[in-house]
C-alpha atoms as a PDB file:
ATOM      1  CA  MET A   1       0.945  -0.104  12.428  1.00  0.00           C
ATOM      2  CA  SER A   2       4.151  -2.039  12.712  1.00  0.00           C
ATOM      3  CA  THR A   3       5.488  -4.180   9.914  1.00  0.00           C
ATOM      4  CA  THR A   4       8.059  -6.867  10.484  1.00  0.00           C
ATOM      5  CA  LEU A   5      10.193  -8.490   7.865  1.00  0.00           C
ATOM      6  CA  PRO A   6      10.465 -12.266   7.763  1.00  0.00           C
ATOM      7  CA  LEU A   7      14.205 -11.624   8.128  1.00  0.00           C
ATOM      8  CA  SER A   8      15.797 -10.424  11.303  1.00  0.00           C
ATOM      9  CA  ASP A   9      17.607  -7.094  11.115  1.00  0.00           C
ATOM     10  CA  GLU A  10      20.906  -8.926  11.188  1.00  0.00           C
ATOM     11  CA  LYS A  11      19.941 -11.290   8.361  1.00  0.00           C
ATOM     12  CA  PHE A  12      18.691  -8.318   6.349  1.00  0.00           C
ATOM     13  CA  LYS A  13      22.030  -6.562   6.812  1.00  0.00           C
ATOM     14  CA  VAL A  14      23.872  -9.708   5.707  1.00  0.00           C
ATOM     15  CA  LEU A  15      21.623 -10.045   2.665  1.00  0.00           C
ATOM     16  CA  ALA A  16      22.221  -6.425   1.655  1.00  0.00           C
ATOM     17  CA  LYS A  17      25.961  -6.896   2.081  1.00  0.00           C
ATOM     18  CA  GLU A  18      25.941 -10.105   0.015  1.00  0.00           C
ATOM     19  CA  LEU A  19      24.040  -8.300  -2.732  1.00  0.00           C
ATOM     20  CA  GLY A  20      26.541  -5.466  -2.608  1.00  0.00           C
ATOM     21  CA  LEU A  21      23.812  -2.951  -1.845  1.00  0.00           C
ATOM     22  CA  SER A  22      22.990  -0.692   1.043  1.00  0.00           C
ATOM     23  CA  GLU A  23      20.049  -1.642   3.226  1.00  0.00           C
ATOM     24  CA  GLU A  24      18.278   1.460   1.958  1.00  0.00           C
ATOM     25  CA  GLU A  25      18.794   0.390  -1.659  1.00  0.00           C
ATOM     26  CA  VAL A  26      17.451  -3.116  -0.952  1.00  0.00           C
ATOM     27  CA  MET A  27      14.350  -1.596   0.656  1.00  0.00           C
ATOM     28  CA  LYS A  28      13.940   0.892  -2.198  1.00  0.00           C
ATOM     29  CA  GLN A  29      14.208  -1.825  -4.846  1.00  0.00           C
ATOM     30  CA  SER A  30      11.831  -4.072  -2.898  1.00  0.00           C
ATOM     31  CA  LEU A  31       9.275  -1.278  -2.655  1.00  0.00           C
ATOM     32  CA  ARG A  32       9.663  -0.474  -6.332  1.00  0.00           C
ATOM     33  CA  THR A  33       9.092  -4.125  -7.299  1.00  0.00           C
ATOM     34  CA  PHE A  34       6.005  -4.333  -5.075  1.00  0.00           C
ATOM     35  CA  LEU A  35       4.547  -1.104  -6.481  1.00  0.00           C
ATOM     36  CA  GLU A  36       5.255  -2.163 -10.064  1.00  0.00           C
ATOM     37  CA  ARG A  37       3.363  -5.421  -9.435  1.00  0.00           C
ATOM     38  CA  LYS A  38       0.415  -3.493  -7.968  1.00  0.00           C
ATOM     39  CA  LEU A  39       0.461  -1.123 -10.939  1.00  0.00           C
ATOM     40  CA  LYS A  40       0.264  -4.076 -13.357  1.00  0.00           C
ATOM     41  CA  GLU A  41      -2.740  -5.462 -11.444  1.00  0.00           C
ATOM     42  CA  ILE A  42      -4.486  -2.090 -11.604  1.00  0.00           C
ATOM     43  CA  LYS A  43      -3.744  -1.686 -15.313  1.00  0.00           C
ATOM     44  CA  ALA A  44      -5.150  -5.165 -15.983  1.00  0.00           C
ATOM     45  CA  GLU A  45      -8.375  -4.330 -14.163  1.00  0.00           C
ATOM     46  CA  ILE A  46      -8.625  -1.007 -16.023  1.00  0.00           C
ATOM     47  CA  TYR A  47      -8.165  -2.863 -19.310  1.00  0.00           C
ATOM     48  CA  LEU A  48     -10.971  -5.306 -18.481  1.00  0.00           C
ATOM     49  CA  ILE A  49     -13.446  -2.539 -17.676  1.00  0.00           C
ATOM     50  CA  LYS A  50     -12.514  -0.550 -20.790  1.00  0.00           C
ATOM     51  CA  ALA A  51     -12.834  -3.666 -22.958  1.00  0.00           C
ATOM     52  CA  LYS A  52     -16.227  -4.492 -21.451  1.00  0.00           C
ATOM     53  CA  TYR A  53     -17.626  -1.131 -22.591  1.00  0.00           C
ATOM     54  CA  MET A  54     -15.365  -0.724 -25.632  1.00  0.00           C
ATOM     55  CA  ILE A  55     -14.015   2.608 -24.371  1.00  0.00           C
ATOM     56  CA  SER A  56     -10.554   4.110 -24.178  1.00  0.00           C
ATOM     57  CA  SER A  57     -10.959   6.482 -21.225  1.00  0.00           C
ATOM     58  CA  ILE A  58     -13.071   7.438 -18.240  1.00  0.00           C
ATOM     59  CA  GLU A  59     -14.019  10.593 -20.156  1.00  0.00           C
ATOM     60  CA  GLU A  60     -15.398   8.484 -22.990  1.00  0.00           C
ATOM     61  CA  PHE A  61     -17.353   6.405 -20.471  1.00  0.00           C
ATOM     62  CA  GLU A  62     -18.868   9.592 -19.021  1.00  0.00           C
ATOM     63  CA  LYS A  63     -19.677  10.930 -22.507  1.00  0.00           C
ATOM     64  CA  LEU A  64     -21.513   7.726 -23.397  1.00  0.00           C
ATOM     65  CA  TYR A  65     -23.551   8.098 -20.200  1.00  0.00           C
ATOM     66  CA  ARG A  66     -24.490  11.678 -21.078  1.00  0.00           C
ATOM     67  CA  GLU A  67     -25.490  10.612 -24.575  1.00  0.00           C
ATOM     68  CA  GLY A  68     -27.584   7.742 -23.177  1.00  0.00           C
ATOM     69  CA  LYS A  69     -25.556   5.092 -24.997  1.00  0.00           C
ATOM     70  CA  ILE A  70     -24.762   3.243 -21.764  1.00  0.00           C
ATOM     71  CA  GLU A  71     -27.431   2.593 -19.174  1.00  0.00           C
ATOM     72  CA  GLU A  72     -26.432   3.729 -15.725  1.00  0.00           C
ATOM     73  CA  LYS A  73     -28.152   0.760 -14.137  1.00  0.00           C
ATOM     74  CA  GLY A  74     -25.640  -2.038 -13.783  1.00  0.00           C
ATOM     75  CA  SER A  75     -22.694  -0.061 -15.099  1.00  0.00           C
ATOM     76  CA  PHE A  76     -22.395   2.752 -12.572  1.00  0.00           C
ATOM     77  CA  GLU A  77     -20.289   0.597 -10.255  1.00  0.00           C
ATOM     78  CA  ASP A  78     -17.888  -0.095 -13.144  1.00  0.00           C
ATOM     79  CA  PHE A  79     -17.722   3.652 -13.839  1.00  0.00           C
ATOM     80  CA  ARG A  80     -16.884   4.399 -10.214  1.00  0.00           C
ATOM     81  CA  ARG A  81     -14.372   1.531 -10.093  1.00  0.00           C
ATOM     82  CA  LEU A  82     -12.642   2.709 -13.272  1.00  0.00           C
ATOM     83  CA  ASP A  83     -12.435   6.264 -11.932  1.00  0.00           C
ATOM     84  CA  HIS A  84     -10.896   4.980  -8.686  1.00  0.00           C
ATOM     85  CA  LEU A  85      -8.454   2.689 -10.495  1.00  0.00           C
ATOM     86  CA  GLU A  86      -7.323   5.513 -12.790  1.00  0.00           C
ATOM     87  CA  PHE A  87      -6.632   7.638  -9.697  1.00  0.00           C
ATOM     88  CA  LYS A  88      -4.664   4.824  -8.022  1.00  0.00           C
ATOM     89  CA  LYS A  89      -2.713   4.240 -11.237  1.00  0.00           C
ATOM     90  CA  GLU A  90      -1.683   7.890 -11.418  1.00  0.00           C
ATOM     91  CA  GLU A  91      -0.650   7.915  -7.764  1.00  0.00           C
ATOM     92  CA  LEU A  92       1.478   4.770  -8.137  1.00  0.00           C
ATOM     93  CA  GLU A  93       3.121   6.147 -11.272  1.00  0.00           C
ATOM     94  CA  LYS A  94       4.041   9.332  -9.392  1.00  0.00           C
ATOM     95  CA  ILE A  95       5.545   7.356  -6.511  1.00  0.00           C
ATOM     96  CA  LEU A  96       7.473   5.100  -8.877  1.00  0.00           C
ATOM     97  CA  GLU A  97       8.843   8.150 -10.672  1.00  0.00           C
ATOM     98  CA  GLU A  98      10.061   9.530  -7.336  1.00  0.00           C
ATOM     99  CA  LEU A  99      11.806   6.220  -6.584  1.00  0.00           C
ATOM    100  CA  LYS A 100      13.944   6.411  -9.722  1.00  0.00           C
END
């Protein structure tokens, strides 16, 4: 999979120079900004699911299932989605920490 920038290599080099940054630093900061935006989107979706069921964690969601306080029918997809989003959130946070 090849990704091309809307800027030519030469224009990218000029941009980095004008910003007083190395090309690597421009790429690193660009990646960090992109990942931070994705993390905010994920956190917003997590918030909506948690608010819908008035829970604070995936563990609480699971506990309510076990206790029969939430019907599995109609909410199982939200449970699976929340679990997946929590995983993605943790992964993005780890990557962002490495980029510091």
